[in-house]
Every structure is written in C-alpha cells, then in structure tokens.
PDB file of N, CA and C in Angstrom:
ATOM      1  N   MET A   1      81.266 103.375 111.684  1.00  0.00           N
ATOM      2  CA  MET A   1      81.516 101.999 111.270  1.00  0.00           C
ATOM      3  C   MET A   1      82.572 102.025 110.165  1.00  0.00           C
ATOM      4  N   MET A   2      83.555 101.182 110.294  1.00  0.00           N
ATOM      5  CA  MET A   2      84.604 101.056 109.291  1.00  0.00           C
ATOM      6  C   MET A   2      84.759  99.603 108.894  1.00  0.00           C
ATOM      7  N   LYS A   3      85.283  99.438 107.696  1.00  0.00           N
ATOM      8  CA  LYS A   3      85.652  98.100 107.249  1.00  0.00           C
ATOM      9  C   LYS A   3      87.170  98.025 107.299  1.00  0.00           C
ATOM     10  N   ALA A   4      87.675  96.958 107.892  1.00  0.00           N
ATOM     11  CA  ALA A   4      89.117  96.722 107.951  1.00  0.00           C
ATOM     12  C   ALA A   4      89.463  95.601 106.977  1.00  0.00           C
ATOM     13  N   ILE A   5      90.487  95.837 106.181  1.00  0.00           N
ATOM     14  CA  ILE A   5      90.996  94.825 105.257  1.00  0.00           C
ATOM     15  C   ILE A   5      92.439  94.564 105.655  1.00  0.00           C
ATOM     16  N   VAL A   6      92.697  93.344 106.112  1.00  0.00           N
ATOM     17  CA  VAL A   6      94.025  92.957 106.564  1.00  0.00           C
ATOM     18  C   VAL A   6      94.576  91.911 105.599  1.00  0.00           C
ATOM     19  N   ASN A   7      95.732  92.191 105.029  1.00  0.00           N
ATOM     20  CA  ASN A   7      96.431  91.237 104.174  1.00  0.00           C
ATOM     21  C   ASN A   7      97.632  90.702 104.933  1.00  0.00           C
ATOM     22  N   VAL A   8      97.713  89.390 105.043  1.00  0.00           N
ATOM     23  CA  VAL A   8      98.794  88.727 105.766  1.00  0.00           C
ATOM     24  C   VAL A   8      99.577  87.885 104.762  1.00  0.00           C
ATOM     25  N   PHE A   9     100.906  88.001 104.809  1.00  0.00           N
ATOM     26  CA  PHE A   9     101.734  87.278 103.849  1.00  0.00           C
ATOM     27  C   PHE A   9     103.069  86.944 104.503  1.00  0.00           C
ATOM     28  N   LEU A  10     103.718  85.899 103.994  1.00  0.00           N
ATOM     29  CA  LEU A  10     104.991  85.479 104.555  1.00  0.00           C
ATOM     30  C   LEU A  10     106.060  86.538 104.304  1.00  0.00           C
ATOM     31  N   LYS A  11     106.947  86.691 105.261  1.00  0.00           N
ATOM     32  CA  LYS A  11     108.059  87.629 105.106  1.00  0.00           C
ATOM     33  C   LYS A  11     108.975  87.152 103.983  1.00  0.00           C
ATOM     34  N   ALA A  12     109.661  88.102 103.382  1.00  0.00           N
ATOM     35  CA  ALA A  12     110.653  87.757 102.360  1.00  0.00           C
ATOM     36  C   ALA A  12     111.682  86.817 102.984  1.00  0.00           C
ATOM     37  N   GLY A  13     112.063  85.809 102.259  1.00  0.00           N
ATOM     38  CA  GLY A  13     113.045  84.858 102.758  1.00  0.00           C
ATOM     39  C   GLY A  13     112.446  83.645 103.441  1.00  0.00           C
ATOM     40  N   VAL A  14     111.157  83.678 103.754  1.00  0.00           N
ATOM     41  CA  VAL A  14     110.486  82.527 104.353  1.00  0.00           C
ATOM     42  C   VAL A  14     109.942  81.664 103.211  1.00  0.00           C
ATOM     43  N   LEU A  15     110.255  80.382 103.237  1.00  0.00           N
ATOM     44  CA  LEU A  15     109.811  79.471 102.190  1.00  0.00           C
ATOM     45  C   LEU A  15     108.293  79.433 102.132  1.00  0.00           C
ATOM     46  N   ASP A  16     107.750  79.662 100.949  1.00  0.00           N
ATOM     47  CA  ASP A  16     106.304  79.651 100.730  1.00  0.00           C
ATOM     48  C   ASP A  16     105.951  78.403  99.926  1.00  0.00           C
ATOM     49  N   SER A  17     105.671  77.304 100.625  1.00  0.00           N
ATOM     50  CA  SER A  17     105.381  76.040  99.940  1.00  0.00           C
ATOM     51  C   SER A  17     104.093  76.117  99.126  1.00  0.00           C
ATOM     52  N   GLN A  18     103.090  76.862  99.604  1.00  0.00           N
ATOM     53  CA  GLN A  18     101.863  77.034  98.822  1.00  0.00           C
ATOM     54  C   GLN A  18     102.152  77.822  97.551  1.00  0.00           C
ATOM     55  N   GLY A  19     102.953  78.847  97.657  1.00  0.00           N
ATOM     56  CA  GLY A  19     103.326  79.631  96.486  1.00  0.00           C
ATOM     57  C   GLY A  19     104.053  78.781  95.460  1.00  0.00           C
ATOM     58  N   LYS A  20     104.958  77.922  95.931  1.00  0.00           N
ATOM     59  CA  LYS A  20     105.679  77.023  95.014  1.00  0.00           C
ATOM     60  C   LYS A  20     104.720  76.054  94.331  1.00  0.00           C
ATOM     61  N   ALA A  21     103.744  75.529  95.080  1.00  0.00           N
ATOM     62  CA  ALA A  21     102.765  74.606  94.500  1.00  0.00           C
ATOM     63  C   ALA A  21     101.906  75.313  93.449  1.00  0.00           C
ATOM     64  N   VAL A  22     101.492  76.534  93.734  1.00  0.00           N
ATOM     65  CA  VAL A  22     100.696  77.298  92.764  1.00  0.00           C
ATOM     66  C   VAL A  22     101.535  77.601  91.527  1.00  0.00           C
ATOM     67  N   HIS A  23     102.790  77.984  91.732  1.00  0.00           N
ATOM     68  CA  HIS A  23     103.671  78.260  90.591  1.00  0.00           C
ATOM     69  C   HIS A  23     103.828  77.028  89.707  1.00  0.00           C
ATOM     70  N   HIS A  24     104.037  75.887  90.337  1.00  0.00           N
ATOM     71  CA  HIS A  24     104.176  74.637  89.588  1.00  0.00           C
ATOM     72  C   HIS A  24     102.893  74.321  88.817  1.00  0.00           C
ATOM     73  N   ALA A  25     101.741  74.487  89.450  1.00  0.00           N
ATOM     74  CA  ALA A  25     100.463  74.218  88.781  1.00  0.00           C
ATOM     75  C   ALA A  25     100.243  75.167  87.610  1.00  0.00           C
ATOM     76  N   LEU A  26     100.578  76.435  87.791  1.00  0.00           N
ATOM     77  CA  LEU A  26     100.432  77.390  86.689  1.00  0.00           C
ATOM     78  C   LEU A  26     101.349  77.029  85.525  1.00  0.00           C
ATOM     79  N   ALA A  27     102.576  76.615  85.836  1.00  0.00           N
ATOM     80  CA  ALA A  27     103.513  76.200  84.789  1.00  0.00           C
ATOM     81  C   ALA A  27     102.983  74.980  84.043  1.00  0.00           C
ATOM     82  N   SER A  28     102.361  74.042  84.760  1.00  0.00           N
ATOM     83  CA  SER A  28     101.814  72.850  84.105  1.00  0.00           C
ATOM     84  C   SER A  28     100.632  73.195  83.203  1.00  0.00           C
ATOM     85  N   LEU A  29     100.013  74.352  83.444  1.00  0.00           N
ATOM     86  CA  LEU A  29      98.920  74.832  82.587  1.00  0.00           C
ATOM     87  C   LEU A  29      99.447  75.785  81.511  1.00  0.00           C
ATOM     88  N   HIS A  30     100.777  75.798  81.346  1.00  0.00           N
ATOM     89  CA  HIS A  30     101.464  76.577  80.307  1.00  0.00           C
ATOM     90  C   HIS A  30     101.432  78.082  80.543  1.00  0.00           C
ATOM     91  N   PHE A  31     101.312  78.492  81.806  1.00  0.00           N
ATOM     92  CA  PHE A  31     101.474  79.899  82.161  1.00  0.00           C
ATOM     93  C   PHE A  31     102.936  80.089  82.557  1.00  0.00           C
ATOM     94  N   ASP A  32     103.797  80.106  81.556  1.00  0.00           N
ATOM     95  CA  ASP A  32     105.240  80.124  81.792  1.00  0.00           C
ATOM     96  C   ASP A  32     105.791  81.512  82.113  1.00  0.00           C
ATOM     97  N   ASN A  33     104.963  82.522  82.003  1.00  0.00           N
ATOM     98  CA  ASN A  33     105.429  83.882  82.242  1.00  0.00           C
ATOM     99  C   ASN A  33     105.206  84.329  83.693  1.00  0.00           C
ATOM    100  N   VAL A  34     104.906  83.403  84.589  1.00  0.00           N
ATOM    101  CA  VAL A  34     104.639  83.710  85.996  1.00  0.00           C
ATOM    102  C   VAL A  34     105.867  83.332  86.830  1.00  0.00           C
ATOM    103  N   SER A  35     106.229  84.207  87.773  1.00  0.00           N
ATOM    104  CA  SER A  35     107.345  83.885  88.670  1.00  0.00           C
ATOM    105  C   SER A  35     107.079  84.488  90.049  1.00  0.00           C
ATOM    106  N   ASN A  36     107.845  84.038  91.010  1.00  0.00           N
ATOM    107  CA  ASN A  36     107.795  84.572  92.377  1.00  0.00           C
ATOM    108  C   ASN A  36     106.385  84.563  92.977  1.00  0.00           C
ATOM    109  N   VAL A  37     105.706  83.432  92.904  1.00  0.00           N
ATOM    110  CA  VAL A  37     104.340  83.320  93.433  1.00  0.00           C
ATOM    111  C   VAL A  37     104.399  83.226  94.955  1.00  0.00           C
ATOM    112  N   ARG A  38     103.627  84.067  95.611  1.00  0.00           N
ATOM    113  CA  ARG A  38     103.494  84.044  97.061  1.00  0.00           C
ATOM    114  C   ARG A  38     102.010  83.966  97.383  1.00  0.00           C
ATOM    115  N   VAL A  39     101.649  83.156  98.349  1.00  0.00           N
ATOM    116  CA  VAL A  39     100.255  82.999  98.761  1.00  0.00           C
ATOM    117  C   VAL A  39     100.092  83.600 100.147  1.00  0.00           C
ATOM    118  N   GLY A  40      99.039  84.364 100.321  1.00  0.00           N
ATOM    119  CA  GLY A  40      98.754  84.970 101.617  1.00  0.00           C
ATOM    120  C   GLY A  40      97.284  84.796 101.950  1.00  0.00           C
ATOM    121  N   LYS A  41      96.825  85.573 102.900  1.00  0.00           N
ATOM    122  CA  LYS A  41      95.406  85.525 103.257  1.00  0.00           C
ATOM    123  C   LYS A  41      94.902  86.944 103.465  1.00  0.00           C
ATOM    124  N   GLN A  42      93.611  87.108 103.248  1.00  0.00           N
ATOM    125  CA  GLN A  42      92.972  88.403 103.450  1.00  0.00           C
ATOM    126  C   GLN A  42      91.841  88.221 104.452  1.00  0.00           C
ATOM    127  N   ILE A  43      91.800  89.091 105.435  1.00  0.00           N
ATOM    128  CA  ILE A  43      90.769  89.054 106.471  1.00  0.00           C
ATOM    129  C   ILE A  43      90.036  90.384 106.405  1.00  0.00           C
ATOM    130  N   ILE A  44      88.720  90.332 106.243  1.00  0.00           N
ATOM    131  CA  ILE A  44      87.906  91.532 106.122  1.00  0.00           C
ATOM    132  C   ILE A  44      86.845  91.495 107.214  1.00  0.00           C
ATOM    133  N   PHE A  45      86.704  92.596 107.932  1.00  0.00           N
ATOM    134  CA  PHE A  45      85.679  92.649 108.971  1.00  0.00           C
ATOM    135  C   PHE A  45      85.238  94.089 109.204  1.00  0.00           C
ATOM    136  N   SER A  46      84.065  94.226 109.793  1.00  0.00           N
ATOM    137  CA  SER A  46      83.554  95.549 110.168  1.00  0.00           C
ATOM    138  C   SER A  46      83.998  95.868 111.578  1.00  0.00           C
ATOM    139  N   LEU A  47      84.239  97.138 111.810  1.00  0.00           N
ATOM    140  CA  LEU A  47      84.724  97.596 113.101  1.00  0.00           C
ATOM    141  C   LEU A  47      83.860  98.772 113.532  1.00  0.00           C
ATOM    142  N   ASP A  48      83.251  98.651 114.683  1.00  0.00           N
ATOM    143  CA  ASP A  48      82.371  99.699 115.192  1.00  0.00           C
ATOM    144  C   ASP A  48      83.222 100.771 115.870  1.00  0.00           C
ATOM    145  N   GLU A  49      83.852 101.581 115.057  1.00  0.00           N
ATOM    146  CA  GLU A  49      84.731 102.647 115.540  1.00  0.00           C
ATOM    147  C   GLU A  49      84.662 103.798 114.543  1.00  0.00           C
ATOM    148  N   LYS A  50      84.580 105.017 115.037  1.00  0.00           N
ATOM    149  CA  LYS A  50      84.481 106.186 114.156  1.00  0.00           C
ATOM    150  C   LYS A  50      85.822 106.884 113.964  1.00  0.00           C
ATOM    151  N   GLU A  51      86.697 106.789 114.961  1.00  0.00           N
ATOM    152  CA  GLU A  51      87.983 107.467 114.910  1.00  0.00           C
ATOM    153  C   GLU A  51      89.018 106.585 114.206  1.00  0.00           C
ATOM    154  N   GLU A  52      89.560 107.067 113.108  1.00  0.00           N
ATOM    155  CA  GLU A  52      90.479 106.261 112.297  1.00  0.00           C
ATOM    156  C   GLU A  52      91.748 105.878 113.052  1.00  0.00           C
ATOM    157  N   LYS A  53      92.282 106.794 113.831  1.00  0.00           N
ATOM    158  CA  LYS A  53      93.507 106.503 114.582  1.00  0.00           C
ATOM    159  C   LYS A  53      93.287 105.372 115.583  1.00  0.00           C
ATOM    160  N   LYS A  54      92.165 105.387 116.274  1.00  0.00           N
ATOM    161  CA  LYS A  54      91.827 104.333 117.244  1.00  0.00           C
ATOM    162  C   LYS A  54      91.578 103.012 116.532  1.00  0.00           C
ATOM    163  N   ALA A  55      90.882 103.065 115.400  1.00  0.00           N
ATOM    164  CA  ALA A  55      90.620 101.846 114.621  1.00  0.00           C
ATOM    165  C   ALA A  55      91.924 101.213 114.158  1.00  0.00           C
ATOM    166  N   MET A  56      92.845 102.037 113.667  1.00  0.00           N
ATOM    167  CA  MET A  56      94.135 101.509 113.205  1.00  0.00           C
ATOM    168  C   MET A  56      94.904 100.878 114.367  1.00  0.00           C
ATOM    169  N   ALA A  57      94.875 101.513 115.525  1.00  0.00           N
ATOM    170  CA  ALA A  57      95.551 100.955 116.703  1.00  0.00           C
ATOM    171  C   ALA A  57      94.933  99.617 117.100  1.00  0.00           C
ATOM    172  N   ASP A  58      93.608  99.546 117.087  1.00  0.00           N
ATOM    173  CA  ASP A  58      92.918  98.299 117.450  1.00  0.00           C
ATOM    174  C   ASP A  58      93.246  97.178 116.467  1.00  0.00           C
ATOM    175  N   VAL A  59      93.181  97.476 115.173  1.00  0.00           N
ATOM    176  CA  VAL A  59      93.433  96.439 114.168  1.00  0.00           C
ATOM    177  C   VAL A  59      94.896  96.011 114.204  1.00  0.00           C
ATOM    178  N   THR A  60      95.797  96.944 114.438  1.00  0.00           N
ATOM    179  CA  THR A  60      97.215  96.587 114.572  1.00  0.00           C
ATOM    180  C   THR A  60      97.411  95.636 115.743  1.00  0.00           C
ATOM    181  N   LYS A  61      96.759  95.916 116.850  1.00  0.00           N
ATOM    182  CA  LYS A  61      96.861  95.026 118.021  1.00  0.00           C
ATOM    183  C   LYS A  61      96.286  93.649 117.702  1.00  0.00           C
ATOM    184  N   MET A  62      95.174  93.613 116.969  1.00  0.00           N
ATOM    185  CA  MET A  62      94.594  92.328 116.554  1.00  0.00           C
ATOM    186  C   MET A  62      95.585  91.529 115.724  1.00  0.00           C
ATOM    187  N   CYS A  63      96.255  92.214 114.807  1.00  0.00           N
ATOM    188  CA  CYS A  63      97.241  91.544 113.954  1.00  0.00           C
ATOM    189  C   CYS A  63      98.403  91.013 114.772  1.00  0.00           C
ATOM    190  N   GLU A  64      98.898  91.839 115.675  1.00  0.00           N
ATOM    191  CA  GLU A  64     100.054  91.455 116.490  1.00  0.00           C
ATOM    192  C   GLU A  64      99.739  90.308 117.443  1.00  0.00           C
ATOM    193  N   GLU A  65      98.495  90.235 117.912  1.00  0.00           N
ATOM    194  CA  GLU A  65      98.146  89.228 118.914  1.00  0.00           C
ATOM    195  C   GLU A  65      97.482  87.980 118.341  1.00  0.00           C
ATOM    196  N   LEU A  66      96.856  88.075 117.160  1.00  0.00           N
ATOM    197  CA  LEU A  66      96.097  86.926 116.666  1.00  0.00           C
ATOM    198  C   LEU A  66      96.180  86.702 115.160  1.00  0.00           C
ATOM    199  N   LEU A  67      95.955  87.737 114.384  1.00  0.00           N
ATOM    200  CA  LEU A  67      95.738  87.547 112.944  1.00  0.00           C
ATOM    201  C   LEU A  67      96.991  87.185 112.165  1.00  0.00           C
ATOM    202  N   ALA A  68      98.157  87.598 112.638  1.00  0.00           N
ATOM    203  CA  ALA A  68      99.412  87.307 111.942  1.00  0.00           C
ATOM    204  C   ALA A  68     100.413  86.689 112.911  1.00  0.00           C
ATOM    205  N   ASN A  69     101.186  85.757 112.397  1.00  0.00           N
ATOM    206  CA  ASN A  69     102.312  85.217 113.149  1.00  0.00           C
ATOM    207  C   ASN A  69     103.504  86.101 112.793  1.00  0.00           C
ATOM    208  N   THR A  70     103.760  87.115 113.599  1.00  0.00           N
ATOM    209  CA  THR A  70     104.724  88.150 113.233  1.00  0.00           C
ATOM    210  C   THR A  70     106.172  87.667 113.192  1.00  0.00           C
ATOM    211  N   VAL A  71     106.428  86.449 113.609  1.00  0.00           N
ATOM    212  CA  VAL A  71     107.768  85.886 113.482  1.00  0.00           C
ATOM    213  C   VAL A  71     108.063  85.611 112.008  1.00  0.00           C
ATOM    214  N   ILE A  72     107.059  85.110 111.278  1.00  0.00           N
ATOM    215  CA  ILE A  72     107.268  84.742 109.872  1.00  0.00           C
ATOM    216  C   ILE A  72     106.371  85.487 108.898  1.00  0.00           C
ATOM    217  N   GLU A  73     105.427  86.292 109.404  1.00  0.00           N
ATOM    218  CA  GLU A  73     104.478  86.968 108.524  1.00  0.00           C
ATOM    219  C   GLU A  73     104.507  88.489 108.723  1.00  0.00           C
ATOM    220  N   ASP A  74     104.256  89.190 107.632  1.00  0.00           N
ATOM    221  CA  ASP A  74     104.013  90.620 107.658  1.00  0.00           C
ATOM    222  C   ASP A  74     102.540  90.844 107.356  1.00  0.00           C
ATOM    223  N   TYR A  75     102.081  92.073 107.549  1.00  0.00           N
ATOM    224  CA  TYR A  75     100.680  92.367 107.251  1.00  0.00           C
ATOM    225  C   TYR A  75     100.542  93.825 106.836  1.00  0.00           C
ATOM    226  N   THR A  76      99.457  94.080 106.115  1.00  0.00           N
ATOM    227  CA  THR A  76      99.079  95.442 105.791  1.00  0.00           C
ATOM    228  C   THR A  76      97.641  95.632 106.246  1.00  0.00           C
ATOM    229  N   ILE A  77      97.306  96.872 106.571  1.00  0.00           N
ATOM    230  CA  ILE A  77      95.949  97.197 107.033  1.00  0.00           C
ATOM    231  C   ILE A  77      95.401  98.325 106.169  1.00  0.00           C
ATOM    232  N   GLU A  78      94.185  98.148 105.699  1.00  0.00           N
ATOM    233  CA  GLU A  78      93.474  99.214 105.002  1.00  0.00           C
ATOM    234  C   GLU A  78      92.154  99.437 105.716  1.00  0.00           C
ATOM    235  N   LEU A  79      91.856 100.673 106.043  1.00  0.00           N
ATOM    236  CA  LEU A  79      90.580 101.017 106.657  1.00  0.00           C
ATOM    237  C   LEU A  79      89.725 101.761 105.639  1.00  0.00           C
ATOM    238  N   VAL A  80      88.462 101.355 105.529  1.00  0.00           N
ATOM    239  CA  VAL A  80      87.539 101.972 104.596  1.00  0.00           C
ATOM    240  C   VAL A  80      86.336 102.460 105.380  1.00  0.00           C
ATOM    241  N   LYS A  81      86.000 103.738 105.226  1.00  0.00           N
ATOM    242  CA  LYS A  81      84.840 104.283 105.947  1.00  0.00           C
ATOM    243  C   LYS A  81      83.568 103.960 105.210  1.00  0.00           C
TER     244      LYS A  81
END
C-alpha cells in the first residue's frame, strides 16, 4: 500500500487569477513582502500497489488522463510507502 501525493499547478506563463486574488488580499492585510502567488491543488490518495515503478506509472497515467489539464497545468508526484 502506498500513498500518492499529487500537486497540480498552472504552467509558468498561464494567468493565475486565483493567485492574483490571494496576492491582492494578502497585500490588503499588509503582507507587502509577498510576491508571485500561485494557487494549485493537492490530491492525496492510497494506492494498493507494492511496486514503486508500477505505482508511479499508474499515477502518471491518472494525472495525464484526469487529474491535471496538461495543456495548462503541470504536476508533481510523490509516493510514500
């Protein structure tokens, strides 16, 4: 059994309207030392797989087919035993 942690975030150069809204809100709260805010999502799930190479292949396929919009998003995968 493994835990998969997938982080999905917009590619560089793609406008992040949520990030801009968070940056503006932080500035209004006088957190003026914050810049380049980007908002993403994290998906965590258990995977009934013992072989790390197979688990990584499966999770990558999940990301490519469902979890990330690969036209505008990148992702990272972390597997934890």
